[in-house]
Every structure is written in structure tokens, then in C-alpha cells.
Amino acid sequence: MGILFDLLLAFALLWSAWRAIALTDPASAVVQFIVFGLLMALAWARLRAPDIALAEAAIGAGLTGALLLDGLGTLRTGQRQRDEQHGSRP
């Protein structure tokens, strides 16, 4: 049972990493990156490295994911403001 879970986790990690790189929509790519970080934390926990698992979950999925989402929101707000400025000009 443990081997099957480990193989499934390894496949999910590879698939998630590939999807995070291959997605063209930035919002979907950020969400996929967060999922990858959580799966990576689970992999470290399975390797009996709880300190690294907690660090990966906090930094890899949590903090970095929040920063990427904030950056994405800032980019979209800037784009919206530029569109409004160009649309209001004659």
C-alpha cells in the first residue's frame, strides 16, 4: 500500500510540475505552483523529514504562493488602469 501511494505521489509531482510550466494562463499556473508546493511538502513528510515538509508548506506553497497571487493581482490592476486610460482618450 505504501509503495502504491509513493508512486502515485511521484506521478502527481511530475504532472503538477509539468502543468505549472506548461499552462499559459498566469492565474492557473500560480494555483498549480501552489498545488506542487503542497505535494512536495507531502513528499518530504513521506520521507520522514517533517522539518523540511513544514518549511516547504510554509515557504514553497504558502508564502511564495501568496506573493505570486499578489503580483498577479497587481499586474491585472495595472492592465485594467491602462485600458481605462487608453479607452478614455479621443
PDB file of N, CA and C in Angstrom:
ATOM      1  N   MET A   1       0.822  -1.196   0.000  1.00  0.00           N
ATOM      2  CA  MET A   1       0.000   0.000   0.000  1.00  0.00           C
ATOM      3  C   MET A   1       0.868   1.263   0.000  1.00  0.00           C
ATOM      4  N   GLY A   2       1.960   1.253   0.767  1.00  0.00           N
ATOM      5  CA  GLY A   2       2.839   2.411   0.836  1.00  0.00           C
ATOM      6  C   GLY A   2       3.527   2.691  -0.486  1.00  0.00           C
ATOM      7  N   ILE A   3       3.939   1.620  -1.178  1.00  0.00           N
ATOM      8  CA  ILE A   3       4.614   1.781  -2.478  1.00  0.00           C
ATOM      9  C   ILE A   3       3.651   2.386  -3.500  1.00  0.00           C
ATOM     10  N   LEU A   4       2.419   1.939  -3.488  1.00  0.00           N
ATOM     11  CA  LEU A   4       1.433   2.463  -4.431  1.00  0.00           C
ATOM     12  C   LEU A   4       1.201   3.959  -4.196  1.00  0.00           C
ATOM     13  N   PHE A   5       1.095   4.352  -2.934  1.00  0.00           N
ATOM     14  CA  PHE A   5       0.915   5.772  -2.617  1.00  0.00           C
ATOM     15  C   PHE A   5       2.131   6.585  -3.041  1.00  0.00           C
ATOM     16  N   ASP A   6       3.324   6.048  -2.800  1.00  0.00           N
ATOM     17  CA  ASP A   6       4.550   6.757  -3.182  1.00  0.00           C
ATOM     18  C   ASP A   6       4.646   6.930  -4.695  1.00  0.00           C
ATOM     19  N   LEU A   7       4.281   5.902  -5.443  1.00  0.00           N
ATOM     20  CA  LEU A   7       4.289   6.007  -6.905  1.00  0.00           C
ATOM     21  C   LEU A   7       3.260   7.022  -7.394  1.00  0.00           C
ATOM     22  N   LEU A   8       2.094   7.003  -6.783  1.00  0.00           N
ATOM     23  CA  LEU A   8       1.061   7.972  -7.143  1.00  0.00           C
ATOM     24  C   LEU A   8       1.512   9.395  -6.815  1.00  0.00           C
ATOM     25  N   LEU A   9       2.166   9.566  -5.673  1.00  0.00           N
ATOM     26  CA  LEU A   9       2.681  10.876  -5.286  1.00  0.00           C
ATOM     27  C   LEU A   9       3.775  11.347  -6.248  1.00  0.00           C
ATOM     28  N   ALA A  10       4.659  10.442  -6.641  1.00  0.00           N
ATOM     29  CA  ALA A  10       5.719  10.797  -7.590  1.00  0.00           C
ATOM     30  C   ALA A  10       5.120  11.216  -8.933  1.00  0.00           C
ATOM     31  N   PHE A  11       4.125  10.471  -9.399  1.00  0.00           N
ATOM     32  CA  PHE A  11       3.464  10.828 -10.653  1.00  0.00           C
ATOM     33  C   PHE A  11       2.765  12.180 -10.523  1.00  0.00           C
ATOM     34  N   ALA A  12       2.089  12.411  -9.397  1.00  0.00           N
ATOM     35  CA  ALA A  12       1.386  13.677  -9.187  1.00  0.00           C
ATOM     36  C   ALA A  12       2.368  14.846  -9.142  1.00  0.00           C
ATOM     37  N   LEU A  13       3.539  14.635  -8.547  1.00  0.00           N
ATOM     38  CA  LEU A  13       4.564  15.684  -8.518  1.00  0.00           C
ATOM     39  C   LEU A  13       5.048  16.024  -9.924  1.00  0.00           C
ATOM     40  N   LEU A  14       5.338  15.005 -10.716  1.00  0.00           N
ATOM     41  CA  LEU A  14       5.795  15.244 -12.086  1.00  0.00           C
ATOM     42  C   LEU A  14       4.722  15.934 -12.921  1.00  0.00           C
ATOM     43  N   TRP A  15       3.489  15.459 -12.801  1.00  0.00           N
ATOM     44  CA  TRP A  15       2.384  16.044 -13.562  1.00  0.00           C
ATOM     45  C   TRP A  15       2.160  17.495 -13.145  1.00  0.00           C
ATOM     46  N   SER A  16       2.189  17.748 -11.840  1.00  0.00           N
ATOM     47  CA  SER A  16       1.962  19.096 -11.332  1.00  0.00           C
ATOM     48  C   SER A  16       3.071  20.054 -11.767  1.00  0.00           C
ATOM     49  N   ALA A  17       4.312  19.599 -11.730  1.00  0.00           N
ATOM     50  CA  ALA A  17       5.430  20.439 -12.170  1.00  0.00           C
ATOM     51  C   ALA A  17       5.307  20.759 -13.657  1.00  0.00           C
ATOM     52  N   TRP A  18       4.967  19.764 -14.458  1.00  0.00           N
ATOM     53  CA  TRP A  18       4.811  19.987 -15.894  1.00  0.00           C
ATOM     54  C   TRP A  18       3.667  20.960 -16.172  1.00  0.00           C
ATOM     55  N   ARG A  19       2.547  20.796 -15.462  1.00  0.00           N
ATOM     56  CA  ARG A  19       1.396  21.678 -15.672  1.00  0.00           C
ATOM     57  C   ARG A  19       1.716  23.116 -15.272  1.00  0.00           C
ATOM     58  N   ALA A  20       2.461  23.289 -14.183  1.00  0.00           N
ATOM     59  CA  ALA A  20       2.803  24.645 -13.737  1.00  0.00           C
ATOM     60  C   ALA A  20       3.648  25.367 -14.778  1.00  0.00           C
ATOM     61  N   ILE A  21       4.469  24.620 -15.498  1.00  0.00           N
ATOM     62  CA  ILE A  21       5.312  25.215 -16.537  1.00  0.00           C
ATOM     63  C   ILE A  21       4.541  25.399 -17.839  1.00  0.00           C
ATOM     64  N   ALA A  22       3.681  24.444 -18.181  1.00  0.00           N
ATOM     65  CA  ALA A  22       3.035  24.427 -19.489  1.00  0.00           C
ATOM     66  C   ALA A  22       1.796  25.317 -19.585  1.00  0.00           C
ATOM     67  N   LEU A  23       1.184  25.662 -18.475  1.00  0.00           N
ATOM     68  CA  LEU A  23      -0.033  26.468 -18.534  1.00  0.00           C
ATOM     69  C   LEU A  23       0.268  27.868 -19.056  1.00  0.00           C
ATOM     70  N   THR A  24      -0.626  28.386 -19.883  1.00  0.00           N
ATOM     71  CA  THR A  24      -0.430  29.723 -20.442  1.00  0.00           C
ATOM     72  C   THR A  24      -1.163  30.794 -19.641  1.00  0.00           C
ATOM     73  N   ASP A  25      -2.206  30.413 -18.922  1.00  0.00           N
ATOM     74  CA  ASP A  25      -2.933  31.360 -18.080  1.00  0.00           C
ATOM     75  C   ASP A  25      -2.166  31.554 -16.774  1.00  0.00           C
ATOM     76  N   PRO A  26      -1.744  32.783 -16.476  1.00  0.00           N
ATOM     77  CA  PRO A  26      -0.936  33.005 -15.271  1.00  0.00           C
ATOM     78  C   PRO A  26      -1.638  32.607 -13.972  1.00  0.00           C
ATOM     79  N   ALA A  27      -2.934  32.847 -13.872  1.00  0.00           N
ATOM     80  CA  ALA A  27      -3.653  32.503 -12.642  1.00  0.00           C
ATOM     81  C   ALA A  27      -3.661  30.992 -12.426  1.00  0.00           C
ATOM     82  N   SER A  28      -3.901  30.241 -13.479  1.00  0.00           N
ATOM     83  CA  SER A  28      -3.887  28.782 -13.371  1.00  0.00           C
ATOM     84  C   SER A  28      -2.496  28.267 -13.042  1.00  0.00           C
ATOM     85  N   ALA A  29      -1.478  28.884 -13.611  1.00  0.00           N
ATOM     86  CA  ALA A  29      -0.105  28.466 -13.335  1.00  0.00           C
ATOM     87  C   ALA A  29       0.265  28.716 -11.874  1.00  0.00           C
ATOM     88  N   VAL A  30      -0.188  29.828 -11.312  1.00  0.00           N
ATOM     89  CA  VAL A  30       0.097  30.121  -9.905  1.00  0.00           C
ATOM     90  C   VAL A  30      -0.592  29.102  -9.002  1.00  0.00           C
ATOM     91  N   VAL A  31      -1.843  28.799  -9.288  1.00  0.00           N
ATOM     92  CA  VAL A  31      -2.561  27.798  -8.491  1.00  0.00           C
ATOM     93  C   VAL A  31      -1.873  26.443  -8.608  1.00  0.00           C
ATOM     94  N   GLN A  32      -1.438  26.095  -9.797  1.00  0.00           N
ATOM     95  CA  GLN A  32      -0.741  24.822  -9.987  1.00  0.00           C
ATOM     96  C   GLN A  32       0.585  24.806  -9.238  1.00  0.00           C
ATOM     97  N   PHE A  33       1.267  25.941  -9.167  1.00  0.00           N
ATOM     98  CA  PHE A  33       2.510  26.032  -8.401  1.00  0.00           C
ATOM     99  C   PHE A  33       2.249  25.799  -6.916  1.00  0.00           C
ATOM    100  N   ILE A  34       1.145  26.337  -6.403  1.00  0.00           N
ATOM    101  CA  ILE A  34       0.785  26.122  -5.001  1.00  0.00           C
ATOM    102  C   ILE A  34       0.486  24.650  -4.753  1.00  0.00           C
ATOM    103  N   VAL A  35      -0.231  24.018  -5.675  1.00  0.00           N
ATOM    104  CA  VAL A  35      -0.512  22.583  -5.556  1.00  0.00           C
ATOM    105  C   VAL A  35       0.789  21.789  -5.558  1.00  0.00           C
ATOM    106  N   PHE A  36       1.723  22.168  -6.422  1.00  0.00           N
ATOM    107  CA  PHE A  36       3.019  21.493  -6.458  1.00  0.00           C
ATOM    108  C   PHE A  36       3.739  21.627  -5.114  1.00  0.00           C
ATOM    109  N   GLY A  37       3.702  22.811  -4.520  1.00  0.00           N
ATOM    110  CA  GLY A  37       4.339  23.012  -3.222  1.00  0.00           C
ATOM    111  C   GLY A  37       3.730  22.140  -2.136  1.00  0.00           C
ATOM    112  N   LEU A  38       2.413  21.997  -2.155  1.00  0.00           N
ATOM    113  CA  LEU A  38       1.755  21.140  -1.169  1.00  0.00           C
ATOM    114  C   LEU A  38       2.101  19.670  -1.388  1.00  0.00           C
ATOM    115  N   LEU A  39       2.144  19.247  -2.638  1.00  0.00           N
ATOM    116  CA  LEU A  39       2.545  17.866  -2.928  1.00  0.00           C
ATOM    117  C   LEU A  39       3.992  17.618  -2.529  1.00  0.00           C
ATOM    118  N   MET A  40       4.834  18.606  -2.734  1.00  0.00           N
ATOM    119  CA  MET A  40       6.238  18.476  -2.343  1.00  0.00           C
ATOM    120  C   MET A  40       6.365  18.361  -0.829  1.00  0.00           C
ATOM    121  N   ALA A  41       5.568  19.120  -0.101  1.00  0.00           N
ATOM    122  CA  ALA A  41       5.569  19.016   1.360  1.00  0.00           C
ATOM    123  C   ALA A  41       5.130  17.622   1.797  1.00  0.00           C
ATOM    124  N   LEU A  42       4.144  17.078   1.110  1.00  0.00           N
ATOM    125  CA  LEU A  42       3.699  15.716   1.416  1.00  0.00           C
ATOM    126  C   LEU A  42       4.797  14.702   1.120  1.00  0.00           C
ATOM    127  N   ALA A  43       5.525  14.912   0.048  1.00  0.00           N
ATOM    128  CA  ALA A  43       6.634  14.007  -0.283  1.00  0.00           C
ATOM    129  C   ALA A  43       7.713  14.055   0.797  1.00  0.00           C
ATOM    130  N   TRP A  44       8.042  15.240   1.287  1.00  0.00           N
ATOM    131  CA  TRP A  44       9.036  15.344   2.361  1.00  0.00           C
ATOM    132  C   TRP A  44       8.530  14.672   3.634  1.00  0.00           C
ATOM    133  N   ALA A  45       7.240  14.790   3.897  1.00  0.00           N
ATOM    134  CA  ALA A  45       6.679  14.122   5.074  1.00  0.00           C
ATOM    135  C   ALA A  45       6.775  12.603   4.928  1.00  0.00           C
ATOM    136  N   ARG A  46       6.539  12.099   3.717  1.00  0.00           N
ATOM    137  CA  ARG A  46       6.659  10.650   3.477  1.00  0.00           C
ATOM    138  C   ARG A  46       8.099  10.179   3.644  1.00  0.00           C
ATOM    139  N   LEU A  47       9.061  11.055   3.390  1.00  0.00           N
ATOM    140  CA  LEU A  47      10.474  10.713   3.567  1.00  0.00           C
ATOM    141  C   LEU A  47      10.927  10.893   5.015  1.00  0.00           C
ATOM    142  N   ARG A  48       9.969  11.150   5.886  1.00  0.00           N
ATOM    143  CA  ARG A  48      10.217  11.330   7.327  1.00  0.00           C
ATOM    144  C   ARG A  48      11.156  12.499   7.609  1.00  0.00           C
ATOM    145  N   ALA A  49      10.893  13.591   6.924  1.00  0.00           N
ATOM    146  CA  ALA A  49      11.634  14.834   7.153  1.00  0.00           C
ATOM    147  C   ALA A  49      10.614  15.930   7.478  1.00  0.00           C
ATOM    148  N   PRO A  50      10.044  15.884   8.686  1.00  0.00           N
ATOM    149  CA  PRO A  50       8.955  16.822   8.995  1.00  0.00           C
ATOM    150  C   PRO A  50       9.390  18.285   9.016  1.00  0.00           C
ATOM    151  N   ASP A  51      10.640  18.546   9.362  1.00  0.00           N
ATOM    152  CA  ASP A  51      11.097  19.935   9.374  1.00  0.00           C
ATOM    153  C   ASP A  51      11.119  20.522   7.964  1.00  0.00           C
ATOM    154  N   ILE A  52      11.598  19.742   7.018  1.00  0.00           N
ATOM    155  CA  ILE A  52      11.632  20.208   5.626  1.00  0.00           C
ATOM    156  C   ILE A  52      10.215  20.279   5.064  1.00  0.00           C
ATOM    157  N   ALA A  53       9.359  19.334   5.460  1.00  0.00           N
ATOM    158  CA  ALA A  53       7.970  19.345   4.997  1.00  0.00           C
ATOM    159  C   ALA A  53       7.254  20.608   5.460  1.00  0.00           C
ATOM    160  N   LEU A  54       7.451  20.983   6.716  1.00  0.00           N
ATOM    161  CA  LEU A  54       6.818  22.204   7.221  1.00  0.00           C
ATOM    162  C   LEU A  54       7.374  23.446   6.534  1.00  0.00           C
ATOM    163  N   ALA A  55       8.679  23.469   6.318  1.00  0.00           N
ATOM    164  CA  ALA A  55       9.284  24.612   5.629  1.00  0.00           C
ATOM    165  C   ALA A  55       8.771  24.713   4.195  1.00  0.00           C
ATOM    166  N   GLU A  56       8.654  23.592   3.520  1.00  0.00           N
ATOM    167  CA  GLU A  56       8.148  23.586   2.142  1.00  0.00           C
ATOM    168  C   GLU A  56       6.703  24.064   2.094  1.00  0.00           C
ATOM    169  N   ALA A  57       5.895  23.603   3.031  1.00  0.00           N
ATOM    170  CA  ALA A  57       4.495  24.022   3.053  1.00  0.00           C
ATOM    171  C   ALA A  57       4.378  25.511   3.357  1.00  0.00           C
ATOM    172  N   ALA A  58       5.169  25.988   4.304  1.00  0.00           N
ATOM    173  CA  ALA A  58       5.067  27.393   4.701  1.00  0.00           C
ATOM    174  C   ALA A  58       5.657  28.328   3.657  1.00  0.00           C
ATOM    175  N   ILE A  59       6.833  27.987   3.158  1.00  0.00           N
ATOM    176  CA  ILE A  59       7.523  28.883   2.222  1.00  0.00           C
ATOM    177  C   ILE A  59       7.129  28.578   0.783  1.00  0.00           C
ATOM    178  N   GLY A  60       7.244  27.316   0.387  1.00  0.00           N
ATOM    179  CA  GLY A  60       7.002  26.944  -1.003  1.00  0.00           C
ATOM    180  C   GLY A  60       5.572  27.147  -1.450  1.00  0.00           C
ATOM    181  N   ALA A  61       4.625  26.666  -0.658  1.00  0.00           N
ATOM    182  CA  ALA A  61       3.226  26.789  -1.053  1.00  0.00           C
ATOM    183  C   ALA A  61       2.586  28.043  -0.472  1.00  0.00           C
ATOM    184  N   GLY A  62       2.876  28.342   0.774  1.00  0.00           N
ATOM    185  CA  GLY A  62       2.204  29.449   1.446  1.00  0.00           C
ATOM    186  C   GLY A  62       2.703  30.819   1.061  1.00  0.00           C
ATOM    187  N   LEU A  63       3.903  31.144   1.464  1.00  0.00           N
ATOM    188  CA  LEU A  63       4.438  32.494   1.262  1.00  0.00           C
ATOM    189  C   LEU A  63       4.659  32.811  -0.217  1.00  0.00           C
ATOM    190  N   THR A  64       5.315  31.906  -0.921  1.00  0.00           N
ATOM    191  CA  THR A  64       5.575  32.150  -2.344  1.00  0.00           C
ATOM    192  C   THR A  64       4.276  32.204  -3.136  1.00  0.00           C
ATOM    193  N   GLY A  65       3.346  31.324  -2.815  1.00  0.00           N
ATOM    194  CA  GLY A  65       2.050  31.353  -3.490  1.00  0.00           C
ATOM    195  C   GLY A  65       1.307  32.655  -3.254  1.00  0.00           C
ATOM    196  N   ALA A  66       1.344  33.146  -2.015  1.00  0.00           N
ATOM    197  CA  ALA A  66       0.682  34.415  -1.706  1.00  0.00           C
ATOM    198  C   ALA A  66       1.341  35.572  -2.450  1.00  0.00           C
ATOM    199  N   LEU A  67       2.668  35.569  -2.514  1.00  0.00           N
ATOM    200  CA  LEU A  67       3.370  36.631  -3.243  1.00  0.00           C
ATOM    201  C   LEU A  67       3.054  36.585  -4.734  1.00  0.00           C
ATOM    202  N   LEU A  68       3.001  35.389  -5.303  1.00  0.00           N
ATOM    203  CA  LEU A  68       2.673  35.271  -6.722  1.00  0.00           C
ATOM    204  C   LEU A  68       1.240  35.725  -6.999  1.00  0.00           C
ATOM    205  N   LEU A  69       0.301  35.365  -6.123  1.00  0.00           N
ATOM    206  CA  LEU A  69      -1.080  35.813  -6.300  1.00  0.00           C
ATOM    207  C   LEU A  69      -1.188  37.329  -6.171  1.00  0.00           C
ATOM    208  N   ASP A  70      -0.455  37.910  -5.236  1.00  0.00           N
ATOM    209  CA  ASP A  70      -0.456  39.364  -5.082  1.00  0.00           C
ATOM    210  C   ASP A  70       0.140  40.040  -6.322  1.00  0.00           C
ATOM    211  N   GLY A  71       1.226  39.504  -6.820  1.00  0.00           N
ATOM    212  CA  GLY A  71       1.832  40.051  -8.033  1.00  0.00           C
ATOM    213  C   GLY A  71       0.908  39.945  -9.231  1.00  0.00           C
ATOM    214  N   LEU A  72       0.202  38.836  -9.328  1.00  0.00           N
ATOM    215  CA  LEU A  72      -0.752  38.657 -10.415  1.00  0.00           C
ATOM    216  C   LEU A  72      -1.880  39.677 -10.315  1.00  0.00           C
ATOM    217  N   GLY A  73      -2.363  39.918  -9.105  1.00  0.00           N
ATOM    218  CA  GLY A  73      -3.408  40.927  -8.913  1.00  0.00           C
ATOM    219  C   GLY A  73      -2.927  42.319  -9.265  1.00  0.00           C
ATOM    220  N   THR A  74      -1.687  42.631  -8.905  1.00  0.00           N
ATOM    221  CA  THR A  74      -1.115  43.937  -9.233  1.00  0.00           C
ATOM    222  C   THR A  74      -0.984  44.108 -10.743  1.00  0.00           C
ATOM    223  N   LEU A  75      -0.543  43.067 -11.426  1.00  0.00           N
ATOM    224  CA  LEU A  75      -0.431  43.141 -12.886  1.00  0.00           C
ATOM    225  C   LEU A  75      -1.786  43.359 -13.537  1.00  0.00           C
ATOM    226  N   ARG A  76      -2.790  42.656 -13.054  1.00  0.00           N
ATOM    227  CA  ARG A  76      -4.125  42.801 -13.645  1.00  0.00           C
ATOM    228  C   ARG A  76      -4.708  44.183 -13.365  1.00  0.00           C
ATOM    229  N   THR A  77      -4.460  44.724 -12.174  1.00  0.00           N
ATOM    230  CA  THR A  77      -4.943  46.065 -11.851  1.00  0.00           C
ATOM    231  C   THR A  77      -4.268  47.101 -12.743  1.00  0.00           C
ATOM    232  N   GLY A  78      -2.960  46.969 -12.933  1.00  0.00           N
ATOM    233  CA  GLY A  78      -2.235  47.889 -13.811  1.00  0.00           C
ATOM    234  C   GLY A  78      -2.727  47.809 -15.238  1.00  0.00           C
ATOM    235  N   GLN A  79      -3.003  46.610 -15.710  1.00  0.00           N
ATOM    236  CA  GLN A  79      -3.512  46.434 -17.073  1.00  0.00           C
ATOM    237  C   GLN A  79      -4.889  47.070 -17.206  1.00  0.00           C
ATOM    238  N   ARG A  80      -5.730  46.907 -16.200  1.00  0.00           N
ATOM    239  CA  ARG A  80      -7.069  47.486 -16.231  1.00  0.00           C
ATOM    240  C   ARG A  80      -6.998  49.013 -16.254  1.00  0.00           C
ATOM    241  N   GLN A  81      -6.091  49.578 -15.463  1.00  0.00           N
ATOM    242  CA  GLN A  81      -5.941  51.036 -15.445  1.00  0.00           C
ATOM    243  C   GLN A  81      -5.431  51.554 -16.784  1.00  0.00           C
ATOM    244  N   ARG A  82      -4.503  50.843 -17.404  1.00  0.00           N
ATOM    245  CA  ARG A  82      -4.009  51.263 -18.726  1.00  0.00           C
ATOM    246  C   ARG A  82      -5.111  51.182 -19.764  1.00  0.00           C
ATOM    247  N   ASP A  83      -5.936  50.135 -19.695  1.00  0.00           N
ATOM    248  CA  ASP A  83      -7.034  50.009 -20.645  1.00  0.00           C
ATOM    249  C   ASP A  83      -8.035  51.151 -20.483  1.00  0.00           C
ATOM    250  N   GLU A  84      -8.306  51.544 -19.236  1.00  0.00           N
ATOM    251  CA  GLU A  84      -9.235  52.647 -18.999  1.00  0.00           C
ATOM    252  C   GLU A  84      -8.664  53.966 -19.514  1.00  0.00           C
ATOM    253  N   GLN A  85      -7.370  54.181 -19.343  1.00  0.00           N
ATOM    254  CA  GLN A  85      -6.747  55.419 -19.818  1.00  0.00           C
ATOM    255  C   GLN A  85      -6.772  55.490 -21.337  1.00  0.00           C
ATOM    256  N   HIS A  86      -6.478  54.395 -21.989  1.00  0.00           N
ATOM    257  CA  HIS A  86      -6.469  54.401 -23.454  1.00  0.00           C
ATOM    258  C   HIS A  86      -7.886  54.475 -24.008  1.00  0.00           C
ATOM    259  N   GLY A  87      -8.836  53.932 -23.306  1.00  0.00           N
ATOM    260  CA  GLY A  87     -10.221  53.968 -23.766  1.00  0.00           C
ATOM    261  C   GLY A  87     -10.855  55.335 -23.612  1.00  0.00           C
ATOM    262  N   SER A  88     -10.386  56.142 -22.656  1.00  0.00           N
ATOM    263  CA  SER A  88     -10.988  57.457 -22.423  1.00  0.00           C
ATOM    264  C   SER A  88     -10.420  58.532 -23.340  1.00  0.00           C
ATOM    265  N   ARG A  89      -9.320  58.228 -24.008  1.00  0.00           N
ATOM    266  CA  ARG A  89      -8.729  59.214 -24.926  1.00  0.00           C
ATOM    267  C   ARG A  89      -9.499  59.234 -26.236  1.00  0.00           C
ATOM    268  N   PRO A  90      -9.651  60.434 -26.843  1.00  0.00           N
ATOM    269  CA  PRO A  90     -10.376  60.509 -28.133  1.00  0.00           C
ATOM    270  C   PRO A  90      -9.573  59.954 -29.275  1.00  0.00           C
TER     271      PRO A  90
END
